[in-house]
Protein backbone atom coordinates (compact mmCIF):
# COMPACT_ATOMS: atom_id res chain seq x y z
CA MET A 1 -2.96 -22.83 -11.20
CA ASN A 2 -0.94 -22.39 -8.73
CA LYS A 3 -1.56 -21.95 -4.97
CA ILE A 4 -1.31 -18.64 -5.87
CA ASP A 5 -3.75 -17.93 -8.42
CA ILE A 6 -6.25 -20.65 -7.39
CA ALA A 7 -6.76 -17.80 -3.79
CA MET A 8 -6.29 -14.98 -6.00
CA THR A 9 -9.42 -15.91 -8.27
CA ILE A 10 -11.35 -17.04 -4.63
CA TYR A 11 -10.43 -13.97 -3.49
CA VAL A 12 -11.64 -11.35 -5.97
CA ILE A 13 -14.85 -14.20 -6.73
CA PHE A 14 -15.73 -13.81 -2.52
CA MET A 15 -15.92 -9.46 -2.67
CA MET A 16 -18.24 -9.80 -5.99
CA ILE A 17 -20.44 -12.63 -4.06
CA ALA A 18 -20.22 -10.14 -0.94
CA THR A 19 -21.44 -7.31 -3.40
CA SER A 20 -24.11 -8.97 -5.20
CA ILE A 21 -25.57 -10.15 -0.91
CA SER A 22 -25.81 -7.11 -0.33
CA VAL A 23 -27.68 -6.02 -3.14
CA LYS A 24 -29.96 -9.08 -3.15
CA TYR A 25 -30.52 -7.57 0.77
CA GLY A 26 -30.72 -4.33 0.02
CA SER A 27 -33.56 -5.05 -3.10
CA THR A 28 -35.47 -7.80 -0.50
CA MET A 29 -35.66 -5.68 1.97
CA ILE A 30 -36.60 -2.41 0.22
CA LYS A 31 -39.37 -4.19 -1.82
CA LYS A 32 -40.96 -5.42 2.11
CA THR A 33 -40.30 -2.56 4.23
CA GLY A 34 -40.66 0.22 2.67
CA LEU A 35 -37.47 2.02 3.72
CA PHE A 36 -34.90 3.17 1.79
CA LEU A 37 -32.01 5.22 3.22
CA PRO A 38 -31.43 2.25 6.39
CA GLN A 39 -32.11 -0.10 4.86
CA THR A 40 -29.65 1.48 2.27
CA LEU A 41 -27.36 1.84 5.60
CA ILE A 42 -27.09 -1.81 6.52
CA ALA A 43 -26.30 -3.75 2.96
CA GLY A 44 -23.37 -1.40 3.36
CA THR A 45 -23.00 -2.53 5.74
CA ILE A 46 -23.06 -5.98 5.44
CA ASN A 47 -20.86 -5.62 1.64
CA LEU A 48 -18.39 -3.71 4.27
CA ALA A 49 -18.64 -7.21 6.66
CA LEU A 50 -17.94 -9.23 3.49
CA GLY A 51 -15.65 -7.36 3.07
CA VAL A 52 -13.21 -7.20 5.92
CA PHE A 53 -13.73 -11.17 5.55
CA GLY A 54 -12.08 -11.22 2.44
CA ILE A 55 -9.33 -9.13 3.69
CA THR A 56 -8.68 -10.85 6.52
CA GLY A 57 -8.59 -14.09 5.19
CA TRP A 58 -6.32 -12.58 2.24
CA PHE A 59 -3.74 -11.28 5.31
CA PHE A 60 -3.98 -15.01 6.49
CA PHE A 61 -2.98 -16.70 3.11
CA SER A 62 -0.44 -14.14 2.57
CA TRP A 63 1.71 -13.04 5.20
CA LYS A 64 3.57 -16.37 4.86
CA VAL A 65 4.34 -16.43 1.04
CA ASN A 66 5.82 -13.47 -0.15
CA GLU A 67 5.53 -9.61 1.19
CA PHE A 68 4.59 -8.09 -2.19
CA LEU A 69 1.52 -10.47 -2.41
CA PHE A 70 0.57 -9.48 1.29
CA PHE A 71 -0.05 -5.20 -0.09
CA GLY A 72 -0.94 -6.69 -4.02
CA GLY A 73 -3.63 -8.63 -2.20
CA LEU A 74 -4.64 -5.85 -0.34
CA VAL A 75 -4.55 -3.34 -3.04
CA LEU A 76 -7.03 -4.91 -4.85
CA GLY A 77 -9.29 -6.13 -1.56
CA LEU A 78 -9.39 -2.49 -0.74
CA GLY A 79 -9.92 -0.97 -4.54
CA LEU A 80 -12.54 -4.40 -4.99
CA LEU A 81 -14.25 -3.38 -1.27
CA VAL A 82 -14.63 0.44 -2.92
CA VAL A 83 -15.21 -0.53 -5.94
CA GLY A 84 -18.17 -3.23 -4.44
CA GLU A 85 -19.79 -0.83 -2.42
CA VAL A 86 -19.72 1.97 -5.33
CA VAL A 87 -21.60 -0.65 -6.92
CA LEU A 88 -24.42 -1.59 -4.00
CA LEU A 89 -24.84 2.04 -3.57
CA THR A 90 -25.24 3.12 -7.68
CA VAL A 91 -27.76 0.51 -7.73
CA LEU A 92 -30.24 1.10 -4.75
CA PHE A 93 -29.91 4.07 -6.10
CA LEU A 94 -30.60 3.60 -9.48
CA LYS A 95 -33.82 0.41 -8.51
CA ARG A 96 -35.20 2.15 -5.89
CA LYS A 97 -38.67 3.61 -7.77
CA LYS A 98 -39.09 0.92 -8.66
CA TRP A 99 -39.12 -1.63 -5.55
CA MET A 100 -40.80 1.63 -3.64
CA GLN A 101 -43.26 1.15 -6.27
CA ILE A 102 -43.85 -2.64 -5.23
CA TYR A 103 -43.69 -1.70 -1.88
CA ASN A 104 -46.21 0.77 -2.52
CA ASP A 105 -48.42 -1.98 -4.73
CA SER A 106 -48.53 -4.27 -2.02
CA LEU A 107 -49.70 -2.22 0.24
CA ASN A 108 -52.78 -1.28 -2.21
CA GLY A 109 -53.83 -5.21 -2.71
CA SER A 110 -53.81 -5.98 0.64
CA SER A 111 -55.49 -3.27 2.23
CA SER A 112 -58.71 -4.22 -0.31
């Protein structure tokens, strides 16, 4: 593998890790606080910020290498960012009732 393949692999893995960190944050905080919408917005913002950092890193790497690599990586990064946000929101909305039940159970267990 050459330098570009390694950089592209790290780029894609970073974007996937950003989404998983956002999902983990959202799930933990929804279970802890019981607030769905504010924690979903924060998790989405975390994913967006990490995605922008990844795309910025790609700019610094690819600008000197090749303009097609630059624009291809930009499109890939934006695509991964959009897919990551959709996955994040989908997971949070699908698991919302379960996590809210965990929060309610923790309230009922601690009050007795």
